[in-house]
Full PDB file with SEQRES, HELIX, SHEET, SSBOND, CRYST1, ORIGX, SCALE, CONECT and MASTER records, all heavy atoms in Angstrom:
SEQRES   1 A   30  GLN ARG THR LYS THR VAL ILE ARG ARG THR ALA THR GLY          
SEQRES   2 A   30  VAL ALA SER ALA GLY VAL ALA ALA ALA THR PHE ALA ALA          
SEQRES   3 A   30  GLY LEU GLU LEU                                              
HELIX    1 AA1 ALA A   11  GLY A   13  5                                   3    
HELIX    2 AA2 VAL A   14  GLU A   29  1                                  16    
CRYST1    1.000    1.000    1.000  90.00  90.00  90.00 P 1           1          
ORIGX1      1.000000  0.000000  0.000000        0.00000                         
ORIGX2      0.000000  1.000000  0.000000        0.00000                         
ORIGX3      0.000000  0.000000  1.000000        0.00000                         
SCALE1      1.000000  0.000000  0.000000        0.00000                         
SCALE2      0.000000  1.000000  0.000000        0.00000                         
SCALE3      0.000000  0.000000  1.000000        0.00000                         
ATOM      1  N   GLN A   1       9.273   8.981   7.846  1.00  0.00           N  
ATOM      2  CA  GLN A   1      10.246   9.953   7.343  1.00  0.00           C  
ATOM      3  C   GLN A   1      11.364   9.254   6.602  1.00  0.00           C  
ATOM      4  O   GLN A   1      11.895   9.762   5.636  1.00  0.00           O  
ATOM      5  CB  GLN A   1      10.834  10.782   8.488  1.00  0.00           C  
ATOM      6  CG  GLN A   1      11.802  11.850   7.990  1.00  0.00           C  
ATOM      7  CD  GLN A   1      12.250  12.773   9.095  1.00  0.00           C  
ATOM      8  OE1 GLN A   1      11.720  12.734  10.194  1.00  0.00           O  
ATOM      9  NE2 GLN A   1      13.221  13.602   8.801  1.00  0.00           N  
ATOM     10  N   ARG A   2      11.727   8.057   7.059  1.00  0.00           N  
ATOM     11  CA  ARG A   2      12.845   7.375   6.417  1.00  0.00           C  
ATOM     12  C   ARG A   2      12.448   6.020   5.851  1.00  0.00           C  
ATOM     13  O   ARG A   2      12.066   5.913   4.714  1.00  0.00           O  
ATOM     14  CB  ARG A   2      14.011   7.233   7.415  1.00  0.00           C  
ATOM     15  CG  ARG A   2      14.690   8.570   7.696  1.00  0.00           C  
ATOM     16  CD  ARG A   2      15.287   9.151   6.424  1.00  0.00           C  
ATOM     17  NE  ARG A   2      15.837  10.468   6.622  1.00  0.00           N  
ATOM     18  CZ  ARG A   2      16.231  11.290   5.656  1.00  0.00           C  
ATOM     19  NH1 ARG A   2      16.117  10.910   4.412  1.00  0.00           N  
ATOM     20  NH2 ARG A   2      16.725  12.469   5.918  1.00  0.00           N  
ATOM     21  N   THR A   3      12.497   4.939   6.657  1.00  0.00           N  
ATOM     22  CA  THR A   3      12.366   3.619   6.049  1.00  0.00           C  
ATOM     23  C   THR A   3      11.192   2.789   6.544  1.00  0.00           C  
ATOM     24  O   THR A   3      10.688   1.957   5.818  1.00  0.00           O  
ATOM     25  CB  THR A   3      13.648   2.793   6.282  1.00  0.00           C  
ATOM     26  OG1 THR A   3      13.914   2.730   7.684  1.00  0.00           O  
ATOM     27  CG2 THR A   3      14.823   3.439   5.570  1.00  0.00           C  
ATOM     28  N   LYS A   4      10.764   2.964   7.801  1.00  0.00           N  
ATOM     29  CA  LYS A   4       9.670   2.138   8.307  1.00  0.00           C  
ATOM     30  C   LYS A   4       8.376   2.552   7.638  1.00  0.00           C  
ATOM     31  O   LYS A   4       8.013   3.717   7.622  1.00  0.00           O  
ATOM     32  CB  LYS A   4       9.544   2.284   9.826  1.00  0.00           C  
ATOM     33  CG  LYS A   4       8.483   1.364  10.422  1.00  0.00           C  
ATOM     34  CD  LYS A   4       8.405   1.550  11.922  1.00  0.00           C  
ATOM     35  CE  LYS A   4       7.322   0.658  12.503  1.00  0.00           C  
ATOM     36  NZ  LYS A   4       7.203   0.837  13.969  1.00  0.00           N  
ATOM     37  N   THR A   5       7.671   1.584   7.094  1.00  0.00           N  
ATOM     38  CA  THR A   5       6.489   1.893   6.299  1.00  0.00           C  
ATOM     39  C   THR A   5       5.283   1.087   6.760  1.00  0.00           C  
ATOM     40  O   THR A   5       5.382  -0.085   7.059  1.00  0.00           O  
ATOM     41  CB  THR A   5       6.749   1.571   4.816  1.00  0.00           C  
ATOM     42  OG1 THR A   5       7.933   2.248   4.409  1.00  0.00           O  
ATOM     43  CG2 THR A   5       5.583   2.015   3.956  1.00  0.00           C  
ATOM     44  N   VAL A   6       4.158   1.742   6.827  1.00  0.00           N  
ATOM     45  CA  VAL A   6       2.906   1.057   7.139  1.00  0.00           C  
ATOM     46  C   VAL A   6       1.914   1.416   6.051  1.00  0.00           C  
ATOM     47  O   VAL A   6       1.792   2.571   5.670  1.00  0.00           O  
ATOM     48  CB  VAL A   6       2.355   1.492   8.508  1.00  0.00           C  
ATOM     49  CG1 VAL A   6       1.012   0.804   8.778  1.00  0.00           C  
ATOM     50  CG2 VAL A   6       3.344   1.174   9.615  1.00  0.00           C  
ATOM     51  N   ILE A   7       1.196   0.433   5.553  1.00  0.00           N  
ATOM     52  CA  ILE A   7       0.124   0.690   4.589  1.00  0.00           C  
ATOM     53  C   ILE A   7      -1.176   0.230   5.216  1.00  0.00           C  
ATOM     54  O   ILE A   7      -1.257  -0.850   5.767  1.00  0.00           O  
ATOM     55  CB  ILE A   7       0.341  -0.089   3.283  1.00  0.00           C  
ATOM     56  CG1 ILE A   7       1.670   0.290   2.662  1.00  0.00           C  
ATOM     57  CG2 ILE A   7      -0.792   0.161   2.309  1.00  0.00           C  
ATOM     58  CD1 ILE A   7       1.953  -0.467   1.401  1.00  0.00           C  
ATOM     59  N   ARG A   8      -2.184   1.060   5.166  1.00  0.00           N  
ATOM     60  CA  ARG A   8      -3.493   0.627   5.629  1.00  0.00           C  
ATOM     61  C   ARG A   8      -4.550   1.050   4.620  1.00  0.00           C  
ATOM     62  O   ARG A   8      -4.409   2.068   3.973  1.00  0.00           O  
ATOM     63  CB  ARG A   8      -3.817   1.207   7.008  1.00  0.00           C  
ATOM     64  CG  ARG A   8      -3.738   2.706   7.110  1.00  0.00           C  
ATOM     65  CD  ARG A   8      -3.866   3.089   8.584  1.00  0.00           C  
ATOM     66  NE  ARG A   8      -3.544   4.487   8.788  1.00  0.00           N  
ATOM     67  CZ  ARG A   8      -4.418   5.464   8.698  1.00  0.00           C  
ATOM     68  NH1 ARG A   8      -5.666   5.193   8.378  1.00  0.00           N  
ATOM     69  NH2 ARG A   8      -4.056   6.711   8.912  1.00  0.00           N  
ATOM     70  N   ARG A   9      -5.587   0.245   4.494  1.00  0.00           N  
ATOM     71  CA  ARG A   9      -6.675   0.552   3.579  1.00  0.00           C  
ATOM     72  C   ARG A   9      -7.935   0.850   4.371  1.00  0.00           C  
ATOM     73  O   ARG A   9      -8.150   0.316   5.453  1.00  0.00           O  
ATOM     74  CB  ARG A   9      -6.953  -0.640   2.660  1.00  0.00           C  
ATOM     75  CG  ARG A   9      -5.745  -1.101   1.880  1.00  0.00           C  
ATOM     76  CD  ARG A   9      -6.170  -2.239   0.981  1.00  0.00           C  
ATOM     77  NE  ARG A   9      -5.034  -3.070   0.624  1.00  0.00           N  
ATOM     78  CZ  ARG A   9      -5.148  -4.174  -0.073  1.00  0.00           C  
ATOM     79  NH1 ARG A   9      -6.313  -4.589  -0.487  1.00  0.00           N  
ATOM     80  NH2 ARG A   9      -4.079  -4.898  -0.370  1.00  0.00           N  
ATOM     81  N   THR A  10      -8.758   1.653   3.851  1.00  0.00           N  
ATOM     82  CA  THR A  10     -10.028   1.923   4.516  1.00  0.00           C  
ATOM     83  C   THR A  10     -10.936   0.719   4.356  1.00  0.00           C  
ATOM     84  O   THR A  10     -10.827  -0.049   3.394  1.00  0.00           O  
ATOM     85  CB  THR A  10     -10.710   3.139   3.893  1.00  0.00           C  
ATOM     86  OG1 THR A  10     -11.056   2.822   2.551  1.00  0.00           O  
ATOM     87  CG2 THR A  10      -9.815   4.360   3.909  1.00  0.00           C  
ATOM     88  N   ALA A  11     -11.835   0.544   5.326  1.00  0.00           N  
ATOM     89  CA  ALA A  11     -12.730  -0.610   5.292  1.00  0.00           C  
ATOM     90  C   ALA A  11     -13.597  -0.597   4.047  1.00  0.00           C  
ATOM     91  O   ALA A  11     -13.919  -1.641   3.492  1.00  0.00           O  
ATOM     92  CB  ALA A  11     -13.619  -0.611   6.543  1.00  0.00           C  
ATOM     93  N   THR A  12     -13.948   0.590   3.586  1.00  0.00           N  
ATOM     94  CA  THR A  12     -14.832   0.686   2.415  1.00  0.00           C  
ATOM     95  C   THR A  12     -14.062   0.729   1.109  1.00  0.00           C  
ATOM     96  O   THR A  12     -14.662   0.756   0.049  1.00  0.00           O  
ATOM     97  CB  THR A  12     -15.686   1.954   2.499  1.00  0.00           C  
ATOM     98  OG1 THR A  12     -14.814   3.090   2.579  1.00  0.00           O  
ATOM     99  CG2 THR A  12     -16.582   1.923   3.717  1.00  0.00           C  
ATOM    100  N   GLY A  13     -12.721   0.735   1.203  1.00  0.00           N  
ATOM    101  CA  GLY A  13     -11.953   0.947  -0.015  1.00  0.00           C  
ATOM    102  C   GLY A  13     -11.046  -0.197  -0.396  1.00  0.00           C  
ATOM    103  O   GLY A  13     -10.037   0.015  -1.063  1.00  0.00           O  
ATOM    104  N   VAL A  14     -11.366  -1.414   0.043  1.00  0.00           N  
ATOM    105  CA  VAL A  14     -10.476  -2.534  -0.230  1.00  0.00           C  
ATOM    106  C   VAL A  14     -10.268  -2.733  -1.724  1.00  0.00           C  
ATOM    107  O   VAL A  14      -9.142  -2.892  -2.197  1.00  0.00           O  
ATOM    108  CB  VAL A  14     -11.028  -3.831   0.409  1.00  0.00           C  
ATOM    109  CG1 VAL A  14     -10.201  -5.035  -0.032  1.00  0.00           C  
ATOM    110  CG2 VAL A  14     -11.011  -3.709   1.923  1.00  0.00           C  
ATOM    111  N   ALA A  15     -11.348  -2.712  -2.488  1.00  0.00           N  
ATOM    112  CA  ALA A  15     -11.214  -2.955  -3.925  1.00  0.00           C  
ATOM    113  C   ALA A  15     -10.413  -1.866  -4.604  1.00  0.00           C  
ATOM    114  O   ALA A  15      -9.488  -2.143  -5.370  1.00  0.00           O  
ATOM    115  CB  ALA A  15     -12.605  -3.054  -4.558  1.00  0.00           C  
ATOM    116  N   SER A  16     -10.748  -0.608  -4.325  1.00  0.00           N  
ATOM    117  CA  SER A  16     -10.059   0.480  -5.005  1.00  0.00           C  
ATOM    118  C   SER A  16      -8.626   0.608  -4.544  1.00  0.00           C  
ATOM    119  O   SER A  16      -7.791   1.164  -5.248  1.00  0.00           O  
ATOM    120  CB  SER A  16     -10.795   1.802  -4.760  1.00  0.00           C  
ATOM    121  OG  SER A  16     -10.753   2.143  -3.401  1.00  0.00           O  
ATOM    122  N   ALA A  17      -8.313   0.099  -3.336  1.00  0.00           N  
ATOM    123  CA  ALA A  17      -6.948   0.217  -2.820  1.00  0.00           C  
ATOM    124  C   ALA A  17      -6.030  -0.857  -3.379  1.00  0.00           C  
ATOM    125  O   ALA A  17      -4.819  -0.766  -3.236  1.00  0.00           O  
ATOM    126  CB  ALA A  17      -6.966   0.125  -1.287  1.00  0.00           C  
ATOM    127  N   GLY A  18      -6.594  -1.879  -4.011  1.00  0.00           N  
ATOM    128  CA  GLY A  18      -5.784  -3.018  -4.427  1.00  0.00           C  
ATOM    129  C   GLY A  18      -4.625  -2.654  -5.317  1.00  0.00           C  
ATOM    130  O   GLY A  18      -3.494  -3.091  -5.098  1.00  0.00           O  
ATOM    131  N   VAL A  19      -4.892  -1.859  -6.336  1.00  0.00           N  
ATOM    132  CA  VAL A  19      -3.840  -1.493  -7.274  1.00  0.00           C  
ATOM    133  C   VAL A  19      -2.771  -0.656  -6.592  1.00  0.00           C  
ATOM    134  O   VAL A  19      -1.572  -0.901  -6.753  1.00  0.00           O  
ATOM    135  CB  VAL A  19      -4.426  -0.728  -8.475  1.00  0.00           C  
ATOM    136  CG1 VAL A  19      -3.311  -0.173  -9.343  1.00  0.00           C  
ATOM    137  CG2 VAL A  19      -5.288  -1.667  -9.302  1.00  0.00           C  
ATOM    138  N   ALA A  20      -3.175   0.336  -5.805  1.00  0.00           N  
ATOM    139  CA  ALA A  20      -2.206   1.196  -5.137  1.00  0.00           C  
ATOM    140  C   ALA A  20      -1.356   0.404  -4.155  1.00  0.00           C  
ATOM    141  O   ALA A  20      -0.148   0.608  -4.052  1.00  0.00           O  
ATOM    142  CB  ALA A  20      -2.914   2.335  -4.414  1.00  0.00           C  
ATOM    143  N   ALA A  21      -1.983  -0.510  -3.411  1.00  0.00           N  
ATOM    144  CA  ALA A  21      -1.228  -1.309  -2.454  1.00  0.00           C  
ATOM    145  C   ALA A  21      -0.242  -2.223  -3.164  1.00  0.00           C  
ATOM    146  O   ALA A  21       0.901  -2.395  -2.725  1.00  0.00           O  
ATOM    147  CB  ALA A  21      -2.187  -2.129  -1.591  1.00  0.00           C  
ATOM    148  N   ALA A  22      -0.680  -2.836  -4.270  1.00  0.00           N  
ATOM    149  CA  ALA A  22       0.223  -3.697  -5.035  1.00  0.00           C  
ATOM    150  C   ALA A  22       1.384  -2.900  -5.594  1.00  0.00           C  
ATOM    151  O   ALA A  22       2.535  -3.351  -5.596  1.00  0.00           O  
ATOM    152  CB  ALA A  22      -0.549  -4.382  -6.169  1.00  0.00           C  
ATOM    153  N   THR A  23       1.084  -1.703  -6.067  1.00  0.00           N  
ATOM    154  CA  THR A  23       2.128  -0.824  -6.584  1.00  0.00           C  
ATOM    155  C   THR A  23       3.153  -0.513  -5.513  1.00  0.00           C  
ATOM    156  O   THR A  23       4.365  -0.617  -5.729  1.00  0.00           O  
ATOM    157  CB  THR A  23       1.510   0.506  -7.063  1.00  0.00           C  
ATOM    158  OG1 THR A  23       0.546   0.212  -8.052  1.00  0.00           O  
ATOM    159  CG2 THR A  23       2.556   1.437  -7.639  1.00  0.00           C  
ATOM    160  N   PHE A  24       2.659  -0.130  -4.336  1.00  0.00           N  
ATOM    161  CA  PHE A  24       3.575   0.248  -3.272  1.00  0.00           C  
ATOM    162  C   PHE A  24       4.379  -0.947  -2.785  1.00  0.00           C  
ATOM    163  O   PHE A  24       5.583  -0.845  -2.526  1.00  0.00           O  
ATOM    164  CB  PHE A  24       2.813   0.869  -2.100  1.00  0.00           C  
ATOM    165  CG  PHE A  24       3.727   1.316  -1.013  1.00  0.00           C  
ATOM    166  CD1 PHE A  24       4.447   2.486  -1.156  1.00  0.00           C  
ATOM    167  CD2 PHE A  24       3.905   0.557   0.126  1.00  0.00           C  
ATOM    168  CE1 PHE A  24       5.314   2.894  -0.179  1.00  0.00           C  
ATOM    169  CE2 PHE A  24       4.774   0.963   1.109  1.00  0.00           C  
ATOM    170  CZ  PHE A  24       5.476   2.140   0.962  1.00  0.00           C  
ATOM    171  N   ALA A  25       3.735  -2.104  -2.636  1.00  0.00           N  
ATOM    172  CA  ALA A  25       4.448  -3.290  -2.170  1.00  0.00           C  
ATOM    173  C   ALA A  25       5.576  -3.663  -3.110  1.00  0.00           C  
ATOM    174  O   ALA A  25       6.677  -4.017  -2.685  1.00  0.00           O  
ATOM    175  CB  ALA A  25       3.466  -4.458  -2.025  1.00  0.00           C  
ATOM    176  N   ALA A  26       5.305  -3.578  -4.409  1.00  0.00           N  
ATOM    177  CA  ALA A  26       6.347  -3.881  -5.385  1.00  0.00           C  
ATOM    178  C   ALA A  26       7.482  -2.876  -5.282  1.00  0.00           C  
ATOM    179  O   ALA A  26       8.661  -3.217  -5.372  1.00  0.00           O  
ATOM    180  CB  ALA A  26       5.758  -3.879  -6.795  1.00  0.00           C  
ATOM    181  N   GLY A  27       7.126  -1.605  -5.089  1.00  0.00           N  
ATOM    182  CA  GLY A  27       8.145  -0.575  -4.928  1.00  0.00           C  
ATOM    183  C   GLY A  27       8.967  -0.788  -3.686  1.00  0.00           C  
ATOM    184  O   GLY A  27      10.186  -0.595  -3.674  1.00  0.00           O  
ATOM    185  N   LEU A  28       8.319  -1.201  -2.584  1.00  0.00           N  
ATOM    186  CA  LEU A  28       9.034  -1.449  -1.338  1.00  0.00           C  
ATOM    187  C   LEU A  28      10.009  -2.605  -1.493  1.00  0.00           C  
ATOM    188  O   LEU A  28      11.150  -2.548  -1.050  1.00  0.00           O  
ATOM    189  CB  LEU A  28       8.021  -1.758  -0.227  1.00  0.00           C  
ATOM    190  CG  LEU A  28       8.588  -2.034   1.155  1.00  0.00           C  
ATOM    191  CD1 LEU A  28       9.378  -0.837   1.662  1.00  0.00           C  
ATOM    192  CD2 LEU A  28       7.466  -2.381   2.127  1.00  0.00           C  
ATOM    193  N   GLU A  29       9.567  -3.662  -2.183  1.00  0.00           N  
ATOM    194  CA  GLU A  29      10.450  -4.807  -2.411  1.00  0.00           C  
ATOM    195  C   GLU A  29      11.646  -4.408  -3.257  1.00  0.00           C  
ATOM    196  O   GLU A  29      12.781  -4.781  -2.979  1.00  0.00           O  
ATOM    197  CB  GLU A  29       9.666  -5.919  -3.106  1.00  0.00           C  
ATOM    198  CG  GLU A  29      10.499  -7.164  -3.375  1.00  0.00           C  
ATOM    199  CD  GLU A  29       9.704  -8.233  -4.087  1.00  0.00           C  
ATOM    200  OE1 GLU A  29       8.492  -8.045  -4.272  1.00  0.00           O  
ATOM    201  OE2 GLU A  29      10.309  -9.245  -4.477  1.00  0.00           O  
ATOM    202  N   LEU A  30      11.402  -3.619  -4.299  1.00  0.00           N  
ATOM    203  CA  LEU A  30      12.474  -3.160  -5.163  1.00  0.00           C  
ATOM    204  C   LEU A  30      13.463  -2.322  -4.369  1.00  0.00           C  
ATOM    205  O   LEU A  30      14.683  -2.494  -4.478  1.00  0.00           O  
ATOM    206  CB  LEU A  30      11.892  -2.329  -6.310  1.00  0.00           C  
ATOM    207  CG  LEU A  30      12.892  -1.681  -7.278  1.00  0.00           C  
ATOM    208  CD1 LEU A  30      13.699  -2.742  -7.986  1.00  0.00           C  
ATOM    209  CD2 LEU A  30      12.157  -0.798  -8.276  1.00  0.00           C  
TER     210      LEU A  30                                                      
MASTER        0    0    0    2    0    0    0    6  209    1    0    3          
END                                                                             
């Protein structure tokens, strides 16, 4: 709801999740 964030990828979706995870990580750092 506020600030604590968890990202998880599905076992079958590692490749397709790469871009979204990188996007979110960069956003979290910013």
